[in-house]
Amino acid sequence: MGLFSRRSREHEPVQPGAGASPGQEPPSAPAAAPPAAEPGSGVRHDRVREALGTWAERKDARTFADVLRRAVSGELLLDVTDSRLADPARGFQQGDTLAIASTRDNAGADLLVAFTGHDELQRMRQAAGRSLVQPAAAVLAQAVRDHQGIVIDGRAPGAFIAYAAEIRQHLTEEPEAVARLTEATTTRSLPFAQYVEALAAGPLFVPVAAGAEDGSDGSDGPAGPAATGPDGGAYTVVGTSPAEVWAWRPGGEVRRVGLGEVAAATLAAARAGIVVNPAGPPVVVPAAALPR
């Protein structure tokens, strides 16, 4: 959960279906060891791999959200082994045929196949293969648009399936829009003033206590649920996607908001500021830096 602990003491229900629907497990991996990765294929999404390691041991709403929140930024690999290239040494050229691999689950759903690294593609095929590196958000958007979901690292112990409805629920209808602010928060690639401007452009999401249409509950006040920072202060929780909120506190509703609305509620509640993506890595915006 990162440095920020949950202040709300209310029960945190497991989100219905989040741990079960990905339970359409892909076929178990054969006993033979996977072949070595192709030289020069150095792209590897270690943040997603870390989450998949947890998913292999514990399948619940929090770990499901954790995989998707990490998978929307960075890069994933697609299996294009069956593509037809006139000159493989020169890569894709005009006139070549691009074939992107997909598979079907036990119920017949068409799932886009993606990987956190070339080694996982080769583990899946148990042979040499060809991969295509793509922005992870674009891969998820393609899984929603052209398929019925996605399977990531299908032969790994933490093989992960998310269906199109679950991707939309956790990452909205536009994963690529969510990815921009998520990436900036994760990498801290923007100067602080520009980052606050990016927050103002959104999208932003806040947790809503059960039964509170205005985002309030009995203990957290009108600014909604809060987290306690390392300084002991109360910070309003903001996520760059619903998945970021659920990775911190699973279950419950999530509402899309603007930075101005969050700032006004935070200042009215005399809180120390806001914390963006408290499941980590978090970014803190002190109350003094919030727009008035």
C-alpha atoms as a PDB file:
ATOM      1  CA  MET A   1       0.000   0.000   0.000  1.00  0.00           C
ATOM      2  CA  GLY A   2       3.010   2.296  -0.111  1.00  0.00           C
ATOM      3  CA  LEU A   3       3.657   4.947   2.523  1.00  0.00           C
ATOM      4  CA  PHE A   4       0.039   5.979   2.934  1.00  0.00           C
ATOM      5  CA  SER A   5      -2.210   3.931   5.201  1.00  0.00           C
ATOM      6  CA  ARG A   6      -5.985   3.823   5.031  1.00  0.00           C
ATOM      7  CA  ARG A   7      -7.735   5.997   7.578  1.00  0.00           C
ATOM      8  CA  SER A   8     -11.195   4.601   7.032  1.00  0.00           C
ATOM      9  CA  ARG A   9     -11.899   1.706   9.391  1.00  0.00           C
ATOM     10  CA  GLU A  10     -14.958   0.433   7.583  1.00  0.00           C
ATOM     11  CA  HIS A  11     -15.025  -3.103   6.219  1.00  0.00           C
ATOM     12  CA  GLU A  12     -13.424  -3.479   2.816  1.00  0.00           C
ATOM     13  CA  PRO A  13     -15.432  -5.989   0.804  1.00  0.00           C
ATOM     14  CA  VAL A  14     -13.862  -7.966  -1.982  1.00  0.00           C
ATOM     15  CA  GLN A  15     -15.121  -6.605  -5.268  1.00  0.00           C
ATOM     16  CA  PRO A  16     -17.561  -9.178  -6.680  1.00  0.00           C
ATOM     17  CA  GLY A  17     -16.100 -11.091  -9.569  1.00  0.00           C
ATOM     18  CA  ALA A  18     -12.730  -9.345  -9.633  1.00  0.00           C
ATOM     19  CA  GLY A  19     -10.882 -12.343  -8.308  1.00  0.00           C
ATOM     20  CA  ALA A  20     -13.127 -14.922  -9.902  1.00  0.00           C
ATOM     21  CA  SER A  21     -13.679 -13.819 -13.479  1.00  0.00           C
ATOM     22  CA  PRO A  22      -9.971 -13.962 -14.327  1.00  0.00           C
ATOM     23  CA  GLY A  23     -10.130 -17.505 -12.966  1.00  0.00           C
ATOM     24  CA  GLN A  24     -10.526 -18.907 -16.457  1.00  0.00           C
ATOM     25  CA  GLU A  25      -6.982 -20.146 -16.098  1.00  0.00           C
ATOM     26  CA  PRO A  26      -4.886 -20.723 -19.202  1.00  0.00           C
ATOM     27  CA  PRO A  27      -3.457 -24.226 -19.689  1.00  0.00           C
ATOM     28  CA  SER A  28      -0.797 -25.128 -17.165  1.00  0.00           C
ATOM     29  CA  ALA A  29       2.799 -24.762 -18.287  1.00  0.00           C
ATOM     30  CA  PRO A  30       4.540 -27.900 -19.550  1.00  0.00           C
ATOM     31  CA  ALA A  31       7.356 -29.303 -17.485  1.00  0.00           C
ATOM     32  CA  ALA A  32      10.064 -28.470 -20.020  1.00  0.00           C
ATOM     33  CA  ALA A  33      12.070 -25.304 -19.366  1.00  0.00           C
ATOM     34  CA  PRO A  34      11.440 -22.400 -21.755  1.00  0.00           C
ATOM     35  CA  PRO A  35      14.066 -21.631 -24.381  1.00  0.00           C
ATOM     36  CA  ALA A  36      16.402 -18.697 -23.923  1.00  0.00           C
ATOM     37  CA  ALA A  37      15.214 -15.254 -24.899  1.00  0.00           C
ATOM     38  CA  GLU A  38      16.111 -13.895 -28.295  1.00  0.00           C
ATOM     39  CA  PRO A  39      19.253 -11.703 -28.177  1.00  0.00           C
ATOM     40  CA  GLY A  40      18.589  -7.976 -28.282  1.00  0.00           C
ATOM     41  CA  SER A  41      15.036  -8.206 -26.977  1.00  0.00           C
ATOM     42  CA  GLY A  42      15.571  -6.159 -23.834  1.00  0.00           C
ATOM     43  CA  VAL A  43      12.093  -4.748 -23.135  1.00  0.00           C
ATOM     44  CA  ARG A  44      10.735  -6.047 -19.816  1.00  0.00           C
ATOM     45  CA  HIS A  45       7.882  -4.667 -17.726  1.00  0.00           C
ATOM     46  CA  ASP A  46       9.194  -5.414 -14.244  1.00  0.00           C
ATOM     47  CA  ARG A  47       6.430  -3.497 -12.427  1.00  0.00           C
ATOM     48  CA  VAL A  48       3.789  -5.753 -13.957  1.00  0.00           C
ATOM     49  CA  ARG A  49       5.916  -8.841 -13.328  1.00  0.00           C
ATOM     50  CA  GLU A  50       6.106  -7.934  -9.669  1.00  0.00           C
ATOM     51  CA  ALA A  51       2.310  -7.653  -9.487  1.00  0.00           C
ATOM     52  CA  LEU A  52       1.892 -10.960 -11.335  1.00  0.00           C
ATOM     53  CA  GLY A  53       4.093 -12.610  -8.709  1.00  0.00           C
ATOM     54  CA  THR A  54       1.617 -11.490  -6.053  1.00  0.00           C
ATOM     55  CA  TRP A  55      -1.328 -12.507  -8.257  1.00  0.00           C
ATOM     56  CA  ALA A  56       0.106 -16.033  -8.495  1.00  0.00           C
ATOM     57  CA  GLU A  57      -0.122 -16.329  -4.701  1.00  0.00           C
ATOM     58  CA  ARG A  58      -3.272 -14.352  -3.923  1.00  0.00           C
ATOM     59  CA  LYS A  59      -6.145 -13.721  -6.301  1.00  0.00           C
ATOM     60  CA  ASP A  60      -8.372 -11.008  -4.869  1.00  0.00           C
ATOM     61  CA  ALA A  61      -9.759  -7.606  -5.793  1.00  0.00           C
ATOM     62  CA  ARG A  62      -6.704  -5.670  -4.629  1.00  0.00           C
ATOM     63  CA  THR A  63      -4.150  -7.754  -6.534  1.00  0.00           C
ATOM     64  CA  PHE A  64      -6.354  -7.734  -9.644  1.00  0.00           C
ATOM     65  CA  ALA A  65      -6.517  -3.937  -9.571  1.00  0.00           C
ATOM     66  CA  ASP A  66      -2.792  -3.760  -8.857  1.00  0.00           C
ATOM     67  CA  VAL A  67      -1.946  -5.655 -12.048  1.00  0.00           C
ATOM     68  CA  LEU A  68      -4.154  -3.441 -14.226  1.00  0.00           C
ATOM     69  CA  ARG A  69      -3.005  -0.150 -12.704  1.00  0.00           C
ATOM     70  CA  ARG A  70       0.606  -1.102 -13.454  1.00  0.00           C
ATOM     71  CA  ALA A  71      -0.182  -2.552 -16.882  1.00  0.00           C
ATOM     72  CA  VAL A  72      -1.624   0.700 -18.248  1.00  0.00           C
ATOM     73  CA  SER A  73       1.795   2.405 -18.310  1.00  0.00           C
ATOM     74  CA  GLY A  74       5.102   1.294 -19.813  1.00  0.00           C
ATOM     75  CA  GLU A  75       5.329  -1.212 -22.661  1.00  0.00           C
ATOM     76  CA  LEU A  76       4.048  -4.708 -23.373  1.00  0.00           C
ATOM     77  CA  LEU A  77       4.962  -7.128 -26.135  1.00  0.00           C
ATOM     78  CA  LEU A  78       2.653  -8.710 -28.703  1.00  0.00           C
ATOM     79  CA  ASP A  79       3.279 -12.045 -30.416  1.00  0.00           C
ATOM     80  CA  VAL A  80       3.753 -11.455 -34.150  1.00  0.00           C
ATOM     81  CA  THR A  81       5.573 -14.705 -34.895  1.00  0.00           C
ATOM     82  CA  ASP A  82       3.116 -15.712 -37.617  1.00  0.00           C
ATOM     83  CA  SER A  83       3.567 -12.471 -39.569  1.00  0.00           C
ATOM     84  CA  ARG A  84       4.878 -12.674 -43.128  1.00  0.00           C
ATOM     85  CA  LEU A  85       7.976 -10.560 -43.721  1.00  0.00           C
ATOM     86  CA  ALA A  86       9.817 -10.345 -46.988  1.00  0.00           C
ATOM     87  CA  ASP A  87      13.073  -9.622 -45.137  1.00  0.00           C
ATOM     88  CA  PRO A  88      12.936 -10.448 -41.401  1.00  0.00           C
ATOM     89  CA  ALA A  89      16.331  -8.813 -40.876  1.00  0.00           C
ATOM     90  CA  ARG A  90      14.885  -5.425 -41.910  1.00  0.00           C
ATOM     91  CA  GLY A  91      11.716  -5.661 -39.846  1.00  0.00           C
ATOM     92  CA  PHE A  92       8.242  -4.713 -41.062  1.00  0.00           C
ATOM     93  CA  GLN A  93       8.030  -3.044 -44.467  1.00  0.00           C
ATOM     94  CA  GLN A  94       5.284  -2.081 -46.873  1.00  0.00           C
ATOM     95  CA  GLY A  95       3.652  -5.205 -48.292  1.00  0.00           C
ATOM     96  CA  ASP A  96       4.414  -7.387 -45.266  1.00  0.00           C
ATOM     97  CA  THR A  97       1.548  -9.055 -43.385  1.00  0.00           C
ATOM     98  CA  LEU A  98       1.273  -8.352 -39.672  1.00  0.00           C
ATOM     99  CA  ALA A  99      -0.376 -11.153 -37.681  1.00  0.00           C
ATOM    100  CA  ILE A 100      -0.971 -10.461 -33.975  1.00  0.00           C
ATOM    101  CA  ALA A 101      -1.615 -13.579 -31.929  1.00  0.00           C
ATOM    102  CA  SER A 102      -4.698 -14.121 -29.808  1.00  0.00           C
ATOM    103  CA  THR A 103      -6.134 -17.126 -27.991  1.00  0.00           C
ATOM    104  CA  ARG A 104      -9.439 -18.367 -26.594  1.00  0.00           C
ATOM    105  CA  ASP A 105     -10.273 -19.182 -23.007  1.00  0.00           C
ATOM    106  CA  ASN A 106     -12.230 -22.220 -21.846  1.00  0.00           C
ATOM    107  CA  ALA A 107     -15.511 -20.437 -22.607  1.00  0.00           C
ATOM    108  CA  GLY A 108     -14.449 -19.457 -26.126  1.00  0.00           C
ATOM    109  CA  ALA A 109     -13.746 -15.754 -25.429  1.00  0.00           C
ATOM    110  CA  ASP A 110     -11.212 -14.213 -27.821  1.00  0.00           C
ATOM    111  CA  LEU A 111      -8.276 -12.809 -25.818  1.00  0.00           C
ATOM    112  CA  LEU A 112      -5.372 -10.728 -27.076  1.00  0.00           C
ATOM    113  CA  VAL A 113      -2.049 -12.291 -26.033  1.00  0.00           C
ATOM    114  CA  ALA A 114       0.502  -9.941 -24.426  1.00  0.00           C
ATOM    115  CA  PHE A 115       3.752 -10.376 -22.555  1.00  0.00           C
ATOM    116  CA  THR A 116       5.906  -8.533 -20.050  1.00  0.00           C
ATOM    117  CA  GLY A 117       9.055  -9.660 -21.858  1.00  0.00           C
ATOM    118  CA  HIS A 118      10.267 -11.688 -24.814  1.00  0.00           C
ATOM    119  CA  ASP A 119      11.194 -14.580 -22.540  1.00  0.00           C
ATOM    120  CA  GLU A 120       7.537 -14.989 -21.589  1.00  0.00           C
ATOM    121  CA  LEU A 121       6.550 -15.101 -25.257  1.00  0.00           C
ATOM    122  CA  GLN A 122       9.029 -17.905 -25.801  1.00  0.00           C
ATOM    123  CA  ARG A 123       7.795 -19.694 -22.700  1.00  0.00           C
ATOM    124  CA  MET A 124       4.299 -19.569 -24.216  1.00  0.00           C
ATOM    125  CA  ARG A 125       5.387 -20.903 -27.596  1.00  0.00           C
ATOM    126  CA  GLN A 126       8.117 -23.234 -26.312  1.00  0.00           C
ATOM    127  CA  ALA A 127      10.056 -22.112 -29.380  1.00  0.00           C
ATOM    128  CA  ALA A 128      11.621 -19.065 -30.917  1.00  0.00           C
ATOM    129  CA  GLY A 129       9.186 -16.258 -31.678  1.00  0.00           C
ATOM    130  CA  ARG A 130       8.967 -12.677 -32.883  1.00  0.00           C
ATOM    131  CA  SER A 131       7.641  -9.892 -30.652  1.00  0.00           C
ATOM    132  CA  LEU A 132       6.393  -6.381 -31.271  1.00  0.00           C
ATOM    133  CA  VAL A 133       6.823  -3.771 -28.531  1.00  0.00           C
ATOM    134  CA  GLN A 134       3.821  -1.476 -28.026  1.00  0.00           C
ATOM    135  CA  PRO A 135       2.690   1.095 -25.432  1.00  0.00           C
ATOM    136  CA  ALA A 136       0.884  -0.918 -22.774  1.00  0.00           C
ATOM    137  CA  ALA A 137      -2.156   1.370 -22.808  1.00  0.00           C
ATOM    138  CA  ALA A 138      -2.528   0.867 -26.571  1.00  0.00           C
ATOM    139  CA  VAL A 139      -2.393  -2.895 -26.053  1.00  0.00           C
ATOM    140  CA  LEU A 140      -5.174  -2.729 -23.451  1.00  0.00           C
ATOM    141  CA  ALA A 141      -7.224  -0.456 -25.695  1.00  0.00           C
ATOM    142  CA  GLN A 142      -6.813  -2.969 -28.531  1.00  0.00           C
ATOM    143  CA  ALA A 143      -7.888  -5.802 -26.223  1.00  0.00           C
ATOM    144  CA  VAL A 144     -11.128  -3.907 -25.525  1.00  0.00           C
ATOM    145  CA  ARG A 145     -11.703  -2.707 -29.083  1.00  0.00           C
ATOM    146  CA  ASP A 146     -10.798  -5.773 -31.154  1.00  0.00           C
ATOM    147  CA  HIS A 147     -11.048  -8.657 -28.679  1.00  0.00           C
ATOM    148  CA  GLN A 148     -12.960  -9.742 -25.593  1.00  0.00           C
ATOM    149  CA  GLY A 149     -10.084  -9.179 -23.203  1.00  0.00           C
ATOM    150  CA  ILE A 150      -6.400  -9.890 -22.659  1.00  0.00           C
ATOM    151  CA  VAL A 151      -4.145 -12.563 -21.231  1.00  0.00           C
ATOM    152  CA  ILE A 152      -0.742 -11.443 -19.941  1.00  0.00           C
ATOM    153  CA  ASP A 153       2.133 -13.942 -19.633  1.00  0.00           C
ATOM    154  CA  GLY A 154      -0.182 -16.868 -20.304  1.00  0.00           C
ATOM    155  CA  ARG A 155       2.255 -19.619 -19.271  1.00  0.00           C
ATOM    156  CA  ALA A 156       3.714 -17.868 -16.219  1.00  0.00           C
ATOM    157  CA  PRO A 157       2.695 -18.854 -12.665  1.00  0.00           C
ATOM    158  CA  GLY A 158       0.907 -15.495 -12.426  1.00  0.00           C
ATOM    159  CA  ALA A 159      -0.870 -15.778 -15.797  1.00  0.00           C
ATOM    160  CA  PHE A 160      -3.475 -13.029 -15.797  1.00  0.00           C
ATOM    161  CA  ILE A 161      -6.759 -12.615 -17.672  1.00  0.00           C
ATOM    162  CA  ALA A 162      -8.831  -9.441 -17.742  1.00  0.00           C
ATOM    163  CA  TYR A 163     -11.998  -9.246 -19.791  1.00  0.00           C
ATOM    164  CA  ALA A 164     -13.066  -6.169 -21.709  1.00  0.00           C
ATOM    165  CA  ALA A 165     -15.693  -5.113 -19.150  1.00  0.00           C
ATOM    166  CA  GLU A 166     -13.127  -5.365 -16.344  1.00  0.00           C
ATOM    167  CA  ILE A 167     -10.602  -3.285 -18.267  1.00  0.00           C
ATOM    168  CA  ARG A 168     -13.231  -0.589 -18.834  1.00  0.00           C
ATOM    169  CA  GLN A 169     -14.243  -0.701 -15.179  1.00  0.00           C
ATOM    170  CA  HIS A 170     -10.680  -0.330 -13.887  1.00  0.00           C
ATOM    171  CA  LEU A 171      -9.172   1.869 -16.613  1.00  0.00           C
ATOM    172  CA  THR A 172     -12.232   3.608 -18.146  1.00  0.00           C
ATOM    173  CA  GLU A 173     -13.263   3.507 -21.786  1.00  0.00           C
ATOM    174  CA  GLU A 174      -9.979   5.227 -22.714  1.00  0.00           C
ATOM    175  CA  PRO A 175      -6.976   3.456 -21.183  1.00  0.00           C
ATOM    176  CA  GLU A 176      -4.624   5.620 -23.235  1.00  0.00           C
ATOM    177  CA  ALA A 177      -6.030   8.812 -21.672  1.00  0.00           C
ATOM    178  CA  VAL A 178      -5.655   7.320 -18.197  1.00  0.00           C
ATOM    179  CA  ALA A 179      -2.099   6.244 -19.011  1.00  0.00           C
ATOM    180  CA  ARG A 180      -0.719   9.757 -19.550  1.00  0.00           C
ATOM    181  CA  LEU A 181      -1.294  10.945 -15.999  1.00  0.00           C
ATOM    182  CA  THR A 182      -0.485   7.531 -14.542  1.00  0.00           C
ATOM    183  CA  GLU A 183       2.864   7.550 -16.332  1.00  0.00           C
ATOM    184  CA  ALA A 184       3.670  11.066 -15.132  1.00  0.00           C
ATOM    185  CA  THR A 185       2.824  10.073 -11.559  1.00  0.00           C
ATOM    186  CA  THR A 186       4.817   6.847 -11.661  1.00  0.00           C
ATOM    187  CA  THR A 187       7.931   8.273 -13.305  1.00  0.00           C
ATOM    188  CA  ARG A 188       7.768  11.793 -11.802  1.00  0.00           C
ATOM    189  CA  SER A 189       8.898  12.986 -15.204  1.00  0.00           C
ATOM    190  CA  LEU A 190       7.319  16.461 -15.000  1.00  0.00           C
ATOM    191  CA  PRO A 191       8.425  19.509 -13.014  1.00  0.00           C
ATOM    192  CA  PHE A 192       6.089  19.882 -10.042  1.00  0.00           C
ATOM    193  CA  ALA A 193       4.218  22.925 -11.388  1.00  0.00           C
ATOM    194  CA  GLN A 194       3.596  21.173 -14.703  1.00  0.00           C
ATOM    195  CA  TYR A 195       2.479  18.064 -12.862  1.00  0.00           C
ATOM    196  CA  VAL A 196      -0.167  20.024 -10.958  1.00  0.00           C
ATOM    197  CA  GLU A 197      -1.346  21.431 -14.305  1.00  0.00           C
ATOM    198  CA  ALA A 198      -1.569  17.857 -15.616  1.00  0.00           C
ATOM    199  CA  LEU A 199      -3.676  16.923 -12.598  1.00  0.00           C
ATOM    200  CA  ALA A 200      -6.016  19.782 -13.462  1.00  0.00           C
ATOM    201  CA  ALA A 201      -6.431  18.330 -16.949  1.00  0.00           C
ATOM    202  CA  GLY A 202      -7.309  14.949 -15.396  1.00  0.00           C
ATOM    203  CA  PRO A 203      -8.784  12.428 -15.374  1.00  0.00           C
ATOM    204  CA  LEU A 204      -8.914  11.972 -11.578  1.00  0.00           C
ATOM    205  CA  PHE A 205     -10.898   9.545  -9.425  1.00  0.00           C
ATOM    206  CA  VAL A 206     -11.765   9.445  -5.734  1.00  0.00           C
ATOM    207  CA  PRO A 207     -13.191   6.671  -3.545  1.00  0.00           C
ATOM    208  CA  VAL A 208     -16.767   7.050  -2.407  1.00  0.00           C
ATOM    209  CA  ALA A 209     -17.883   5.592   0.917  1.00  0.00           C
ATOM    210  CA  ALA A 210     -20.755   3.142   0.669  1.00  0.00           C
ATOM    211  CA  GLY A 211     -24.093   4.910   0.728  1.00  0.00           C
ATOM    212  CA  ALA A 212     -22.595   8.412   0.421  1.00  0.00           C
ATOM    213  CA  GLU A 213     -23.691  10.007  -2.828  1.00  0.00           C
ATOM    214  CA  ASP A 214     -21.681  13.148  -2.140  1.00  0.00           C
ATOM    215  CA  GLY A 215     -18.466  11.219  -1.491  1.00  0.00           C
ATOM    216  CA  SER A 216     -18.629  11.575   2.287  1.00  0.00           C
ATOM    217  CA  ASP A 217     -18.962   9.139   5.152  1.00  0.00           C
ATOM    218  CA  GLY A 218     -19.332   9.486   8.895  1.00  0.00           C
ATOM    219  CA  SER A 219     -15.620   9.518   9.667  1.00  0.00           C
ATOM    220  CA  ASP A 220     -13.920  11.089   6.677  1.00  0.00           C
ATOM    221  CA  GLY A 221     -15.941  14.233   6.103  1.00  0.00           C
ATOM    222  CA  PRO A 222     -16.957  15.945   2.855  1.00  0.00           C
ATOM    223  CA  ALA A 223     -13.564  15.435   1.219  1.00  0.00           C
ATOM    224  CA  GLY A 224     -14.133  11.668   1.243  1.00  0.00           C
ATOM    225  CA  PRO A 225     -11.845   8.904   2.529  1.00  0.00           C
ATOM    226  CA  ALA A 226      -8.374  10.022   3.561  1.00  0.00           C
ATOM    227  CA  ALA A 227      -4.938   8.457   3.977  1.00  0.00           C
ATOM    228  CA  THR A 228      -2.446   9.111   6.742  1.00  0.00           C
ATOM    229  CA  GLY A 229       0.939  10.270   5.474  1.00  0.00           C
ATOM    230  CA  PRO A 230       4.364   9.648   7.032  1.00  0.00           C
ATOM    231  CA  ASP A 231       4.017  13.068   8.707  1.00  0.00           C
ATOM    232  CA  GLY A 232       0.796  11.968  10.407  1.00  0.00           C
ATOM    233  CA  GLY A 233      -1.310  14.359   8.336  1.00  0.00           C
ATOM    234  CA  ALA A 234      -4.601  13.486   6.640  1.00  0.00           C
ATOM    235  CA  TYR A 235      -4.488  13.542   2.842  1.00  0.00           C
ATOM    236  CA  THR A 236      -7.366  13.300   0.415  1.00  0.00           C
ATOM    237  CA  VAL A 237      -6.969  10.203  -1.753  1.00  0.00           C
ATOM    238  CA  VAL A 238      -6.917  10.698  -5.517  1.00  0.00           C
ATOM    239  CA  GLY A 239      -6.290   8.087  -8.200  1.00  0.00           C
ATOM    240  CA  THR A 240      -5.339   8.473 -11.843  1.00  0.00           C
ATOM    241  CA  SER A 241      -7.663   5.533 -12.576  1.00  0.00           C
ATOM    242  CA  PRO A 242     -10.264   3.540 -10.668  1.00  0.00           C
ATOM    243  CA  ALA A 243      -7.686   0.727 -10.503  1.00  0.00           C
ATOM    244  CA  GLU A 244      -5.350   3.004  -8.524  1.00  0.00           C
ATOM    245  CA  VAL A 245      -8.078   3.598  -5.945  1.00  0.00           C
ATOM    246  CA  TRP A 246      -9.019  -0.092  -5.676  1.00  0.00           C
ATOM    247  CA  ALA A 247      -5.378  -1.153  -5.311  1.00  0.00           C
ATOM    248  CA  TRP A 248      -5.331   1.029  -2.177  1.00  0.00           C
ATOM    249  CA  ARG A 249      -8.819   0.222  -0.888  1.00  0.00           C
ATOM    250  CA  PRO A 250     -10.676  -2.533  -2.756  1.00  0.00           C
ATOM    251  CA  GLY A 251     -14.413  -2.465  -3.115  1.00  0.00           C
ATOM    252  CA  GLY A 252     -16.741   0.490  -3.018  1.00  0.00           C
ATOM    253  CA  GLU A 253     -17.611   3.070  -5.613  1.00  0.00           C
ATOM    254  CA  VAL A 254     -15.238   5.400  -7.422  1.00  0.00           C
ATOM    255  CA  ARG A 255     -16.212   8.799  -8.779  1.00  0.00           C
ATOM    256  CA  ARG A 256     -14.550  10.911 -11.477  1.00  0.00           C
ATOM    257  CA  VAL A 257     -13.752  14.439 -10.275  1.00  0.00           C
ATOM    258  CA  GLY A 258     -11.868  17.580 -11.225  1.00  0.00           C
ATOM    259  CA  LEU A 259      -8.870  18.909  -9.331  1.00  0.00           C
ATOM    260  CA  GLY A 260     -10.766  22.097  -8.394  1.00  0.00           C
ATOM    261  CA  GLU A 261     -13.482  20.073  -6.668  1.00  0.00           C
ATOM    262  CA  VAL A 262     -10.929  17.963  -4.802  1.00  0.00           C
ATOM    263  CA  ALA A 263      -8.928  21.022  -3.790  1.00  0.00           C
ATOM    264  CA  ALA A 264     -11.986  22.839  -2.443  1.00  0.00           C
ATOM    265  CA  ALA A 265     -13.068  19.858  -0.344  1.00  0.00           C
ATOM    266  CA  THR A 266      -9.521  19.267   0.905  1.00  0.00           C
ATOM    267  CA  LEU A 267      -9.040  22.868   1.974  1.00  0.00           C
ATOM    268  CA  ALA A 268     -12.493  22.988   3.586  1.00  0.00           C
ATOM    269  CA  ALA A 269     -11.604  19.885   5.610  1.00  0.00           C
ATOM    270  CA  ALA A 270      -8.280  21.472   6.696  1.00  0.00           C
ATOM    271  CA  ARG A 271      -6.328  18.511   5.382  1.00  0.00           C
ATOM    272  CA  ALA A 272      -2.611  18.509   4.668  1.00  0.00           C
ATOM    273  CA  GLY A 273      -3.142  18.098   0.920  1.00  0.00           C
ATOM    274  CA  ILE A 274      -3.849  15.316  -1.538  1.00  0.00           C
ATOM    275  CA  VAL A 275      -1.982  12.095  -2.266  1.00  0.00           C
ATOM    276  CA  VAL A 276      -2.116  10.799  -5.832  1.00  0.00           C
ATOM    277  CA  ASN A 277      -2.025   7.006  -6.251  1.00  0.00           C
ATOM    278  CA  PRO A 278      -1.409   6.082  -2.599  1.00  0.00           C
ATOM    279  CA  ALA A 279      -0.842   2.414  -3.496  1.00  0.00           C
ATOM    280  CA  GLY A 280       2.516   3.643  -4.770  1.00  0.00           C
ATOM    281  CA  PRO A 281       4.586   5.291  -5.914  1.00  0.00           C
ATOM    282  CA  PRO A 282       2.572   8.196  -4.468  1.00  0.00           C
ATOM    283  CA  VAL A 283       2.884  11.885  -5.255  1.00  0.00           C
ATOM    284  CA  VAL A 284       1.893  14.402  -2.565  1.00  0.00           C
ATOM    285  CA  VAL A 285       0.497  17.813  -3.421  1.00  0.00           C
ATOM    286  CA  PRO A 286       0.468  19.976  -0.249  1.00  0.00           C
ATOM    287  CA  ALA A 287      -2.591  22.052   0.474  1.00  0.00           C
ATOM    288  CA  ALA A 288      -0.630  25.231  -0.251  1.00  0.00           C
ATOM    289  CA  ALA A 289       0.013  24.071  -3.813  1.00  0.00           C
ATOM    290  CA  LEU A 290      -3.613  23.254  -4.585  1.00  0.00           C
ATOM    291  CA  PRO A 291      -5.573  25.665  -6.808  1.00  0.00           C
ATOM    292  CA  ARG A 292      -7.849  28.038  -4.914  1.00  0.00           C
END
